[in-house]
N, C-alpha and C. Protein backbone atom coordinates (compact mmCIF):
# COMPACT_ATOMS: atom_id res chain seq x y z
N MET A 1 13.16 -0.41 -17.94
CA MET A 1 13.78 0.59 -17.09
C MET A 1 13.65 0.15 -15.64
N ARG A 2 14.75 0.14 -14.91
CA ARG A 2 14.71 -0.26 -13.51
C ARG A 2 15.10 0.93 -12.65
N SER A 3 14.20 1.86 -12.53
CA SER A 3 14.44 3.04 -11.72
C SER A 3 13.19 3.28 -10.87
N PRO A 4 13.32 3.52 -9.56
CA PRO A 4 14.56 3.62 -8.81
C PRO A 4 15.19 2.25 -8.55
N SER A 5 16.50 2.25 -8.45
CA SER A 5 17.23 1.00 -8.21
C SER A 5 18.20 1.12 -7.06
N THR A 6 18.20 2.25 -6.37
CA THR A 6 19.10 2.44 -5.23
C THR A 6 18.30 2.93 -4.02
N PRO A 7 18.71 2.52 -2.83
CA PRO A 7 18.03 2.99 -1.62
C PRO A 7 18.50 4.39 -1.24
N THR A 8 17.70 5.08 -0.44
CA THR A 8 18.11 6.37 0.10
C THR A 8 18.98 6.13 1.34
N PRO A 9 19.71 7.14 1.80
CA PRO A 9 20.48 6.98 3.04
C PRO A 9 19.56 6.63 4.21
N LEU A 10 20.08 5.89 5.16
CA LEU A 10 19.28 5.48 6.31
C LEU A 10 18.71 6.66 7.09
N SER A 11 19.39 7.81 7.04
CA SER A 11 18.92 8.99 7.78
C SER A 11 17.54 9.46 7.30
N CYS A 12 17.19 9.15 6.07
CA CYS A 12 15.89 9.58 5.53
C CYS A 12 14.72 8.96 6.27
N TRP A 13 14.93 7.76 6.83
CA TRP A 13 13.83 7.08 7.50
C TRP A 13 13.40 7.79 8.78
N ALA A 14 14.31 8.51 9.41
CA ALA A 14 13.98 9.20 10.66
C ALA A 14 13.46 10.61 10.44
N ASP A 15 13.50 11.10 9.21
CA ASP A 15 13.10 12.47 8.90
C ASP A 15 11.70 12.48 8.29
N ALA A 16 10.72 12.96 9.03
CA ALA A 16 9.33 12.94 8.58
C ALA A 16 9.09 13.78 7.34
N ASN A 17 10.03 14.65 6.97
CA ASN A 17 9.89 15.47 5.78
C ASN A 17 10.61 14.89 4.57
N ALA A 18 11.30 13.78 4.77
CA ALA A 18 12.10 13.18 3.70
C ALA A 18 11.38 12.02 3.05
N ILE A 19 11.73 11.77 1.79
CA ILE A 19 11.29 10.57 1.11
C ILE A 19 12.34 9.49 1.36
N ALA A 20 11.92 8.37 1.91
CA ALA A 20 12.83 7.25 2.18
C ALA A 20 12.48 6.11 1.23
N ARG A 21 13.51 5.42 0.73
CA ARG A 21 13.27 4.35 -0.25
C ARG A 21 14.16 3.15 0.04
N VAL A 22 13.59 1.97 -0.16
CA VAL A 22 14.33 0.73 0.00
C VAL A 22 14.12 -0.12 -1.24
N VAL A 23 15.13 -0.90 -1.58
CA VAL A 23 15.04 -1.86 -2.69
C VAL A 23 15.00 -3.26 -2.07
N PRO A 24 14.69 -4.30 -2.86
CA PRO A 24 14.60 -5.65 -2.28
C PRO A 24 15.83 -6.03 -1.47
N ASP A 25 15.58 -6.47 -0.24
CA ASP A 25 16.63 -6.88 0.70
C ASP A 25 17.62 -5.77 1.02
N GLY A 26 17.21 -4.51 0.78
CA GLY A 26 18.09 -3.37 1.03
C GLY A 26 18.14 -2.99 2.50
N PRO A 27 19.03 -2.03 2.84
CA PRO A 27 19.20 -1.62 4.23
C PRO A 27 18.02 -0.82 4.75
N LEU A 28 17.70 -1.06 6.01
CA LEU A 28 16.62 -0.38 6.71
C LEU A 28 17.02 -0.18 8.16
N PRO A 29 16.42 0.81 8.83
CA PRO A 29 16.59 0.84 10.29
C PRO A 29 15.88 -0.36 10.90
N THR A 30 16.18 -0.67 12.14
CA THR A 30 15.53 -1.82 12.78
C THR A 30 14.09 -1.52 13.17
N HIS A 31 13.79 -0.22 13.43
CA HIS A 31 12.45 0.18 13.86
C HIS A 31 12.05 1.48 13.16
N LEU A 32 10.75 1.67 13.03
CA LEU A 32 10.20 2.92 12.51
C LEU A 32 8.93 3.20 13.30
N SER A 33 8.83 4.39 13.84
CA SER A 33 7.67 4.78 14.65
C SER A 33 7.44 3.80 15.80
N GLY A 34 8.53 3.27 16.36
CA GLY A 34 8.44 2.37 17.50
C GLY A 34 8.05 0.95 17.17
N LEU A 35 7.93 0.63 15.88
CA LEU A 35 7.52 -0.71 15.46
C LEU A 35 8.64 -1.32 14.62
N ALA A 36 8.96 -2.57 14.88
CA ALA A 36 10.05 -3.23 14.17
C ALA A 36 9.78 -3.31 12.68
N LEU A 37 10.85 -3.18 11.91
CA LEU A 37 10.80 -3.42 10.46
C LEU A 37 11.44 -4.79 10.25
N ALA A 38 10.63 -5.81 10.21
CA ALA A 38 11.11 -7.18 10.07
C ALA A 38 10.10 -7.96 9.23
N PRO A 39 10.57 -8.86 8.38
CA PRO A 39 9.63 -9.61 7.54
C PRO A 39 8.53 -10.25 8.35
N TRP A 40 7.32 -10.20 7.80
CA TRP A 40 6.18 -10.83 8.46
C TRP A 40 6.42 -12.33 8.50
N PRO A 41 6.11 -13.00 9.61
CA PRO A 41 6.35 -14.45 9.69
C PRO A 41 5.67 -15.17 8.52
N ASP A 42 6.47 -15.93 7.78
CA ASP A 42 5.89 -16.67 6.65
C ASP A 42 6.54 -18.05 6.54
N ASP A 43 6.82 -18.65 7.70
CA ASP A 43 7.44 -19.98 7.68
C ASP A 43 6.52 -21.00 7.03
N THR A 44 5.22 -20.76 7.16
CA THR A 44 4.26 -21.64 6.49
C THR A 44 3.24 -20.76 5.80
N PRO A 45 2.61 -21.24 4.74
CA PRO A 45 1.59 -20.43 4.07
C PRO A 45 0.48 -19.98 5.00
N GLY A 46 0.22 -20.73 6.06
CA GLY A 46 -0.83 -20.37 6.99
C GLY A 46 -0.60 -19.05 7.70
N ASP A 47 0.68 -18.65 7.90
CA ASP A 47 0.95 -17.39 8.57
C ASP A 47 0.41 -16.21 7.77
N VAL A 48 0.62 -16.24 6.46
CA VAL A 48 0.12 -15.17 5.60
C VAL A 48 -1.39 -15.27 5.48
N THR A 49 -1.89 -16.47 5.34
CA THR A 49 -3.33 -16.66 5.20
C THR A 49 -4.07 -16.13 6.40
N ARG A 50 -3.56 -16.37 7.60
CA ARG A 50 -4.23 -15.89 8.82
C ARG A 50 -4.31 -14.37 8.83
N LEU A 51 -3.29 -13.69 8.31
CA LEU A 51 -3.29 -12.22 8.30
C LEU A 51 -4.48 -11.70 7.51
N TRP A 52 -4.64 -12.13 6.27
CA TRP A 52 -5.71 -11.54 5.47
C TRP A 52 -7.06 -12.17 5.72
N GLN A 53 -7.10 -13.37 6.32
CA GLN A 53 -8.39 -13.94 6.67
C GLN A 53 -9.00 -13.23 7.88
N SER A 54 -8.16 -12.53 8.64
CA SER A 54 -8.66 -11.85 9.83
C SER A 54 -9.14 -10.43 9.51
N ALA A 55 -9.22 -10.09 8.22
CA ALA A 55 -9.64 -8.73 7.85
C ALA A 55 -10.99 -8.40 8.46
N VAL A 56 -11.11 -7.13 8.85
CA VAL A 56 -12.36 -6.69 9.47
C VAL A 56 -13.48 -6.67 8.43
N THR A 57 -14.70 -6.74 8.92
CA THR A 57 -15.86 -6.69 8.03
C THR A 57 -16.16 -5.24 7.68
N PRO A 58 -16.91 -5.00 6.60
CA PRO A 58 -17.28 -3.62 6.26
C PRO A 58 -18.00 -2.91 7.41
N LEU A 59 -18.84 -3.65 8.16
CA LEU A 59 -19.57 -3.04 9.26
C LEU A 59 -18.59 -2.53 10.32
N ALA A 60 -17.53 -3.30 10.59
CA ALA A 60 -16.56 -2.88 11.59
C ALA A 60 -15.79 -1.64 11.15
N LEU A 61 -15.68 -1.42 9.83
CA LEU A 61 -14.99 -0.23 9.33
C LEU A 61 -15.86 1.02 9.46
N GLY A 62 -17.11 0.84 9.71
CA GLY A 62 -17.98 1.99 9.88
C GLY A 62 -19.16 1.95 8.94
N ARG A 63 -20.26 2.48 9.41
CA ARG A 63 -21.49 2.45 8.61
C ARG A 63 -21.43 3.37 7.41
N ASP A 64 -20.42 4.23 7.33
CA ASP A 64 -20.30 5.16 6.21
C ASP A 64 -19.64 4.52 4.99
N THR A 65 -19.26 3.27 5.09
CA THR A 65 -18.63 2.59 3.95
C THR A 65 -19.72 2.20 2.95
N PRO A 66 -19.71 2.82 1.76
CA PRO A 66 -20.75 2.49 0.78
C PRO A 66 -20.46 1.16 0.10
N ALA A 67 -21.48 0.59 -0.52
CA ALA A 67 -21.28 -0.61 -1.33
C ALA A 67 -20.49 -0.21 -2.57
N LEU A 68 -19.63 -1.10 -3.02
CA LEU A 68 -18.86 -0.81 -4.23
C LEU A 68 -19.81 -0.87 -5.42
N PRO A 69 -19.91 0.22 -6.19
CA PRO A 69 -20.82 0.17 -7.34
C PRO A 69 -20.33 -0.80 -8.40
N SER A 70 -21.23 -1.22 -9.24
CA SER A 70 -20.88 -2.09 -10.35
C SER A 70 -20.81 -1.24 -11.61
N LEU A 71 -19.66 -1.23 -12.26
CA LEU A 71 -19.47 -0.45 -13.48
C LEU A 71 -19.22 -1.40 -14.65
N PRO A 72 -19.91 -1.22 -15.75
CA PRO A 72 -19.70 -2.10 -16.90
C PRO A 72 -18.23 -2.14 -17.34
N GLY A 73 -17.72 -3.34 -17.53
CA GLY A 73 -16.35 -3.50 -18.00
C GLY A 73 -15.28 -3.31 -16.94
N LYS A 74 -15.68 -3.10 -15.69
CA LYS A 74 -14.71 -2.88 -14.60
C LYS A 74 -14.85 -4.00 -13.57
N VAL A 75 -13.73 -4.68 -13.28
CA VAL A 75 -13.75 -5.72 -12.26
C VAL A 75 -13.41 -5.09 -10.91
N PRO A 76 -13.92 -5.65 -9.80
CA PRO A 76 -13.60 -5.09 -8.49
C PRO A 76 -12.15 -5.37 -8.10
N ALA A 77 -11.55 -4.39 -7.45
CA ALA A 77 -10.18 -4.50 -6.96
C ALA A 77 -10.09 -3.72 -5.66
N ALA A 78 -8.99 -3.90 -4.94
CA ALA A 78 -8.82 -3.18 -3.67
C ALA A 78 -7.36 -2.93 -3.40
N GLY A 79 -7.12 -1.87 -2.65
CA GLY A 79 -5.76 -1.51 -2.28
C GLY A 79 -5.76 -0.75 -0.97
N ALA A 80 -4.57 -0.35 -0.55
CA ALA A 80 -4.44 0.34 0.74
C ALA A 80 -3.46 1.50 0.66
N VAL A 81 -3.81 2.54 1.39
CA VAL A 81 -2.90 3.66 1.63
C VAL A 81 -2.48 3.50 3.09
N VAL A 82 -1.23 3.12 3.29
CA VAL A 82 -0.73 2.80 4.63
C VAL A 82 -0.06 4.03 5.22
N LEU A 83 -0.65 4.53 6.30
CA LEU A 83 -0.22 5.77 6.93
C LEU A 83 0.64 5.48 8.16
N GLU A 84 1.81 6.13 8.20
CA GLU A 84 2.67 6.04 9.38
C GLU A 84 2.31 7.15 10.37
N PRO A 85 2.61 6.99 11.66
CA PRO A 85 2.32 8.03 12.64
C PRO A 85 2.99 9.38 12.33
N ASP A 86 4.09 9.37 11.57
CA ASP A 86 4.78 10.63 11.27
C ASP A 86 4.17 11.37 10.08
N GLY A 87 3.05 10.85 9.54
CA GLY A 87 2.36 11.54 8.45
C GLY A 87 2.80 11.14 7.06
N ARG A 88 3.68 10.15 6.95
CA ARG A 88 4.09 9.67 5.63
C ARG A 88 3.27 8.45 5.24
N VAL A 89 3.22 8.17 3.95
CA VAL A 89 2.49 7.01 3.44
C VAL A 89 3.43 6.18 2.57
N TRP A 90 3.11 4.89 2.46
CA TRP A 90 3.93 3.95 1.71
C TRP A 90 3.45 3.86 0.26
N VAL A 91 4.38 3.89 -0.68
CA VAL A 91 4.07 3.67 -2.09
C VAL A 91 5.03 2.62 -2.63
N ILE A 92 4.56 1.92 -3.66
CA ILE A 92 5.41 0.93 -4.31
C ILE A 92 5.84 1.46 -5.68
N HIS A 93 6.97 0.97 -6.15
CA HIS A 93 7.46 1.28 -7.49
C HIS A 93 7.36 -0.03 -8.29
N PRO A 94 6.32 -0.17 -9.14
CA PRO A 94 6.15 -1.43 -9.87
C PRO A 94 7.36 -1.78 -10.72
N SER A 95 7.68 -3.05 -10.77
CA SER A 95 8.83 -3.52 -11.53
C SER A 95 8.74 -3.07 -12.99
N ASN A 96 9.81 -2.45 -13.44
CA ASN A 96 9.93 -1.98 -14.82
C ASN A 96 8.79 -1.05 -15.24
N GLY A 97 8.25 -0.29 -14.28
CA GLY A 97 7.20 0.67 -14.60
C GLY A 97 5.93 0.03 -15.12
N PHE A 98 5.61 -1.17 -14.63
CA PHE A 98 4.45 -1.91 -15.13
C PHE A 98 3.20 -1.03 -15.12
N GLY A 99 2.43 -1.09 -16.20
CA GLY A 99 1.19 -0.36 -16.31
C GLY A 99 1.37 1.14 -16.47
N GLY A 100 2.60 1.58 -16.70
CA GLY A 100 2.87 3.01 -16.84
C GLY A 100 3.02 3.74 -15.52
N TYR A 101 3.20 2.99 -14.43
CA TYR A 101 3.34 3.59 -13.09
C TYR A 101 4.79 3.64 -12.66
N ARG A 102 5.28 4.83 -12.35
CA ARG A 102 6.60 4.94 -11.70
C ARG A 102 6.46 4.63 -10.22
N ALA A 103 5.31 5.02 -9.68
CA ALA A 103 5.00 4.73 -8.27
C ALA A 103 3.48 4.72 -8.14
N THR A 104 2.99 3.97 -7.17
CA THR A 104 1.55 3.89 -6.92
C THR A 104 1.34 3.25 -5.55
N PHE A 105 0.09 3.04 -5.19
CA PHE A 105 -0.23 2.37 -3.94
C PHE A 105 -0.48 0.88 -4.21
N PRO A 106 -0.19 0.01 -3.25
CA PRO A 106 -0.44 -1.42 -3.48
C PRO A 106 -1.92 -1.70 -3.69
N LYS A 107 -2.19 -2.56 -4.66
CA LYS A 107 -3.57 -2.87 -5.01
C LYS A 107 -3.59 -4.12 -5.87
N GLY A 108 -4.78 -4.70 -6.05
CA GLY A 108 -4.92 -5.86 -6.93
C GLY A 108 -6.38 -6.22 -7.10
N ARG A 109 -6.65 -7.02 -8.12
CA ARG A 109 -8.01 -7.46 -8.39
C ARG A 109 -8.50 -8.41 -7.30
N GLN A 110 -9.78 -8.31 -7.02
CA GLN A 110 -10.40 -9.19 -6.02
C GLN A 110 -10.40 -10.62 -6.54
N GLU A 111 -9.93 -11.52 -5.71
CA GLU A 111 -9.91 -12.94 -6.07
C GLU A 111 -11.15 -13.63 -5.53
N PRO A 112 -11.60 -14.71 -6.19
CA PRO A 112 -12.76 -15.45 -5.69
C PRO A 112 -12.55 -15.88 -4.24
N GLY A 113 -13.55 -15.66 -3.43
CA GLY A 113 -13.50 -16.08 -2.03
C GLY A 113 -12.92 -15.05 -1.09
N LEU A 114 -12.38 -13.94 -1.62
CA LEU A 114 -11.82 -12.90 -0.77
C LEU A 114 -12.71 -11.67 -0.79
N SER A 115 -12.84 -11.03 0.36
CA SER A 115 -13.53 -9.75 0.42
C SER A 115 -12.60 -8.66 -0.11
N LEU A 116 -13.15 -7.49 -0.33
CA LEU A 116 -12.30 -6.36 -0.73
C LEU A 116 -11.30 -6.03 0.37
N GLU A 117 -11.73 -6.14 1.61
CA GLU A 117 -10.82 -5.87 2.73
C GLU A 117 -9.66 -6.85 2.73
N GLN A 118 -9.96 -8.13 2.56
CA GLN A 118 -8.91 -9.14 2.53
C GLN A 118 -7.98 -8.93 1.33
N THR A 119 -8.55 -8.52 0.21
CA THR A 119 -7.75 -8.26 -0.98
C THR A 119 -6.74 -7.15 -0.71
N ALA A 120 -7.18 -6.07 -0.08
CA ALA A 120 -6.28 -4.95 0.21
C ALA A 120 -5.13 -5.39 1.12
N ILE A 121 -5.44 -6.19 2.13
CA ILE A 121 -4.42 -6.66 3.05
C ILE A 121 -3.43 -7.60 2.34
N LYS A 122 -3.96 -8.51 1.55
CA LYS A 122 -3.13 -9.48 0.84
C LYS A 122 -2.20 -8.79 -0.15
N GLU A 123 -2.74 -7.86 -0.93
CA GLU A 123 -1.93 -7.18 -1.94
C GLU A 123 -0.84 -6.31 -1.31
N THR A 124 -1.14 -5.69 -0.18
CA THR A 124 -0.15 -4.85 0.49
C THR A 124 1.01 -5.69 1.01
N LEU A 125 0.70 -6.87 1.54
CA LEU A 125 1.76 -7.75 2.01
C LEU A 125 2.60 -8.25 0.84
N GLU A 126 1.94 -8.61 -0.26
CA GLU A 126 2.68 -9.15 -1.41
C GLU A 126 3.51 -8.09 -2.11
N GLU A 127 2.97 -6.90 -2.30
CA GLU A 127 3.65 -5.88 -3.10
C GLU A 127 4.57 -4.97 -2.30
N ALA A 128 4.24 -4.74 -1.02
CA ALA A 128 5.03 -3.82 -0.21
C ALA A 128 5.72 -4.48 0.97
N GLY A 129 5.42 -5.77 1.25
CA GLY A 129 6.03 -6.46 2.37
C GLY A 129 5.47 -6.05 3.72
N LEU A 130 4.36 -5.29 3.72
CA LEU A 130 3.82 -4.73 4.95
C LEU A 130 2.57 -5.46 5.40
N ALA A 131 2.53 -5.81 6.68
CA ALA A 131 1.33 -6.35 7.31
C ALA A 131 0.54 -5.16 7.85
N ILE A 132 -0.75 -5.11 7.53
CA ILE A 132 -1.54 -3.93 7.88
C ILE A 132 -2.85 -4.32 8.54
N GLU A 133 -3.45 -3.32 9.20
CA GLU A 133 -4.84 -3.41 9.60
C GLU A 133 -5.55 -2.20 9.00
N LEU A 134 -6.78 -2.41 8.58
CA LEU A 134 -7.54 -1.35 7.92
C LEU A 134 -8.17 -0.43 8.96
N ILE A 135 -8.17 0.86 8.63
CA ILE A 135 -8.78 1.85 9.51
C ILE A 135 -10.18 2.21 9.02
N ARG A 136 -10.28 2.55 7.72
CA ARG A 136 -11.58 2.93 7.15
C ARG A 136 -11.49 2.99 5.64
N TRP A 137 -12.64 3.07 5.01
CA TRP A 137 -12.72 3.29 3.57
C TRP A 137 -12.19 4.67 3.25
N LEU A 138 -11.46 4.78 2.15
CA LEU A 138 -10.91 6.08 1.75
C LEU A 138 -11.59 6.61 0.49
N VAL A 139 -11.52 5.85 -0.62
CA VAL A 139 -12.09 6.33 -1.88
C VAL A 139 -12.17 5.16 -2.86
N ASP A 140 -13.09 5.24 -3.80
CA ASP A 140 -13.19 4.27 -4.89
C ASP A 140 -12.72 4.97 -6.17
N VAL A 141 -11.84 4.30 -6.92
CA VAL A 141 -11.23 4.92 -8.10
C VAL A 141 -11.43 4.03 -9.33
N PRO A 142 -12.12 4.53 -10.37
CA PRO A 142 -12.19 3.79 -11.62
C PRO A 142 -10.82 3.81 -12.30
N ARG A 143 -10.36 2.64 -12.72
CA ARG A 143 -9.09 2.53 -13.43
C ARG A 143 -9.39 1.95 -14.81
N SER A 144 -8.38 1.64 -15.58
CA SER A 144 -8.60 1.19 -16.95
C SER A 144 -9.48 -0.05 -17.03
N ALA A 145 -9.24 -1.04 -16.17
CA ALA A 145 -10.01 -2.28 -16.24
C ALA A 145 -10.69 -2.63 -14.93
N SER A 146 -10.55 -1.78 -13.92
CA SER A 146 -11.10 -2.12 -12.61
C SER A 146 -11.71 -0.90 -11.93
N LEU A 147 -12.53 -1.18 -10.92
CA LEU A 147 -12.96 -0.17 -9.98
C LEU A 147 -12.31 -0.56 -8.67
N THR A 148 -11.38 0.27 -8.21
CA THR A 148 -10.55 -0.09 -7.06
C THR A 148 -10.99 0.64 -5.81
N ARG A 149 -11.31 -0.13 -4.79
CA ARG A 149 -11.64 0.43 -3.47
C ARG A 149 -10.35 0.53 -2.67
N TYR A 150 -10.07 1.73 -2.16
CA TYR A 150 -8.90 1.95 -1.33
C TYR A 150 -9.32 2.17 0.11
N PHE A 151 -8.55 1.55 1.01
CA PHE A 151 -8.74 1.72 2.44
C PHE A 151 -7.55 2.46 3.02
N LEU A 152 -7.79 3.28 4.03
CA LEU A 152 -6.72 3.83 4.83
C LEU A 152 -6.32 2.75 5.83
N ALA A 153 -5.02 2.57 6.03
CA ALA A 153 -4.55 1.47 6.88
C ALA A 153 -3.36 1.92 7.71
N ARG A 154 -3.03 1.11 8.71
CA ARG A 154 -1.81 1.32 9.50
C ARG A 154 -0.97 0.06 9.45
N ARG A 155 0.33 0.24 9.54
CA ARG A 155 1.26 -0.89 9.54
C ARG A 155 1.28 -1.54 10.91
N ILE A 156 1.20 -2.88 10.94
CA ILE A 156 1.29 -3.61 12.20
C ILE A 156 2.52 -4.52 12.21
N GLY A 157 3.23 -4.58 11.10
CA GLY A 157 4.42 -5.42 11.01
C GLY A 157 4.92 -5.48 9.58
N GLY A 158 5.87 -6.36 9.38
CA GLY A 158 6.42 -6.53 8.04
C GLY A 158 7.61 -5.63 7.76
N SER A 159 8.17 -5.81 6.57
CA SER A 159 9.34 -5.04 6.15
C SER A 159 9.22 -4.74 4.66
N PRO A 160 9.36 -3.48 4.27
CA PRO A 160 9.31 -3.17 2.84
C PRO A 160 10.45 -3.80 2.05
N ALA A 161 11.54 -4.14 2.72
CA ALA A 161 12.66 -4.81 2.03
C ALA A 161 12.27 -6.21 1.58
N ALA A 162 11.15 -6.73 2.12
CA ALA A 162 10.67 -8.06 1.75
C ALA A 162 9.57 -7.98 0.69
N MET A 163 9.55 -6.89 -0.06
CA MET A 163 8.55 -6.72 -1.13
C MET A 163 8.60 -7.89 -2.10
N GLY A 164 7.48 -8.16 -2.75
CA GLY A 164 7.42 -9.23 -3.73
C GLY A 164 7.99 -8.79 -5.08
N TRP A 165 8.00 -9.73 -6.03
CA TRP A 165 8.61 -9.50 -7.33
C TRP A 165 7.93 -8.42 -8.16
N GLU A 166 6.68 -8.09 -7.82
CA GLU A 166 5.97 -7.06 -8.58
C GLU A 166 6.50 -5.65 -8.31
N SER A 167 7.29 -5.50 -7.26
CA SER A 167 7.84 -4.19 -6.91
C SER A 167 9.35 -4.21 -6.99
N GLN A 168 9.93 -3.11 -7.45
CA GLN A 168 11.39 -3.01 -7.47
C GLN A 168 11.90 -2.05 -6.41
N ALA A 169 10.99 -1.34 -5.75
CA ALA A 169 11.35 -0.47 -4.63
C ALA A 169 10.06 -0.10 -3.90
N VAL A 170 10.22 0.29 -2.64
CA VAL A 170 9.11 0.79 -1.83
C VAL A 170 9.58 2.08 -1.17
N SER A 171 8.73 3.10 -1.20
CA SER A 171 9.10 4.39 -0.62
C SER A 171 8.11 4.80 0.46
N LEU A 172 8.61 5.59 1.39
CA LEU A 172 7.81 6.22 2.42
C LEU A 172 7.84 7.72 2.12
N VAL A 173 6.67 8.31 1.85
CA VAL A 173 6.60 9.65 1.28
C VAL A 173 5.70 10.56 2.12
N PRO A 174 6.17 11.77 2.46
CA PRO A 174 5.27 12.72 3.13
C PRO A 174 4.08 13.02 2.22
N ILE A 175 2.90 13.09 2.80
CA ILE A 175 1.69 13.34 1.99
C ILE A 175 1.87 14.59 1.14
N LYS A 176 2.46 15.64 1.69
CA LYS A 176 2.59 16.89 0.94
C LYS A 176 3.59 16.76 -0.22
N ARG A 177 4.35 15.67 -0.28
CA ARG A 177 5.32 15.46 -1.37
C ARG A 177 4.91 14.34 -2.32
N LEU A 178 3.68 13.84 -2.20
CA LEU A 178 3.25 12.75 -3.07
C LEU A 178 3.32 13.12 -4.55
N GLY A 179 3.09 14.38 -4.87
CA GLY A 179 3.15 14.82 -6.26
C GLY A 179 4.53 14.64 -6.89
N GLU A 180 5.55 14.49 -6.06
CA GLU A 180 6.90 14.28 -6.58
C GLU A 180 7.12 12.85 -7.06
N VAL A 181 6.32 11.91 -6.57
CA VAL A 181 6.55 10.51 -6.93
C VAL A 181 5.38 9.87 -7.67
N LEU A 182 4.17 10.37 -7.46
CA LEU A 182 3.00 9.81 -8.14
C LEU A 182 2.73 10.63 -9.40
N HIS A 183 2.78 9.98 -10.56
CA HIS A 183 2.61 10.69 -11.82
C HIS A 183 1.43 10.20 -12.65
N HIS A 184 0.80 9.12 -12.27
CA HIS A 184 -0.30 8.56 -13.05
C HIS A 184 -1.61 9.23 -12.65
N ALA A 185 -2.42 9.55 -13.65
CA ALA A 185 -3.70 10.22 -13.39
C ALA A 185 -4.61 9.40 -12.48
N ASN A 186 -4.50 8.07 -12.51
CA ASN A 186 -5.35 7.23 -11.67
C ASN A 186 -5.10 7.44 -10.19
N ASP A 187 -3.94 7.99 -9.83
CA ASP A 187 -3.63 8.19 -8.41
C ASP A 187 -4.05 9.57 -7.92
N GLN A 188 -4.49 10.44 -8.81
CA GLN A 188 -4.89 11.79 -8.40
C GLN A 188 -6.03 11.79 -7.39
N PRO A 189 -7.07 10.96 -7.55
CA PRO A 189 -8.14 10.96 -6.54
C PRO A 189 -7.65 10.57 -5.15
N LEU A 190 -6.64 9.72 -5.07
CA LEU A 190 -6.09 9.35 -3.76
C LEU A 190 -5.34 10.51 -3.13
N GLN A 191 -4.57 11.22 -3.94
CA GLN A 191 -3.87 12.39 -3.40
C GLN A 191 -4.87 13.41 -2.88
N GLU A 192 -5.95 13.63 -3.64
CA GLU A 192 -6.97 14.59 -3.20
C GLU A 192 -7.63 14.13 -1.91
N ALA A 193 -7.94 12.85 -1.80
CA ALA A 193 -8.57 12.34 -0.58
C ALA A 193 -7.65 12.49 0.63
N LEU A 194 -6.36 12.23 0.42
CA LEU A 194 -5.41 12.36 1.53
C LEU A 194 -5.21 13.82 1.94
N HIS A 195 -5.14 14.72 0.97
CA HIS A 195 -4.97 16.15 1.31
C HIS A 195 -6.23 16.67 1.99
N HIS A 196 -7.39 16.14 1.62
CA HIS A 196 -8.64 16.56 2.25
C HIS A 196 -8.67 16.12 3.71
N ASP A 197 -8.09 14.94 3.99
CA ASP A 197 -8.05 14.41 5.35
C ASP A 197 -7.07 15.17 6.24
N ALA A 198 -6.01 15.68 5.62
CA ALA A 198 -4.90 16.28 6.39
C ALA A 198 -5.32 17.54 7.11
């Protein structure tokens, strides 16, 4: 199943109460919240590598960031909830509903040599096309095979139209409307954390 497969009208991007959606290489406004929507420079692999290698340390995120617990049978993973100044957050639509998700937040398993912070930044660029900086720890969520640490983040560049092959669409969703697009039980703790912050 390849749904969603169509973008929303361009007017949705300017409406903070609307859900806006783009498909690979689909139409977008040139700017959002005063920041350009343009693919992150990737002329050489080093451009992408520099982005996630510059991830902040846990100490820089704040002393309230707990250590990720170790759970039997769960591998460490990380993801990001990317918040726009207008109060909307970015979600991805995994290709063909992979893993039973119609929509979710970008995330992935921690790779050898990468911190959880770097993992969140790398996965967000790969799955959503967005270059981000982390703001703080948000919540840790046990999933079927992983324990995923989520960070709250802000967009510093990139374009959702440049999403990788793992995504078939990327949406910008008002926090109060997340229940309309997120249907997997694993995303419920994130919705609760975001509503608690609001």
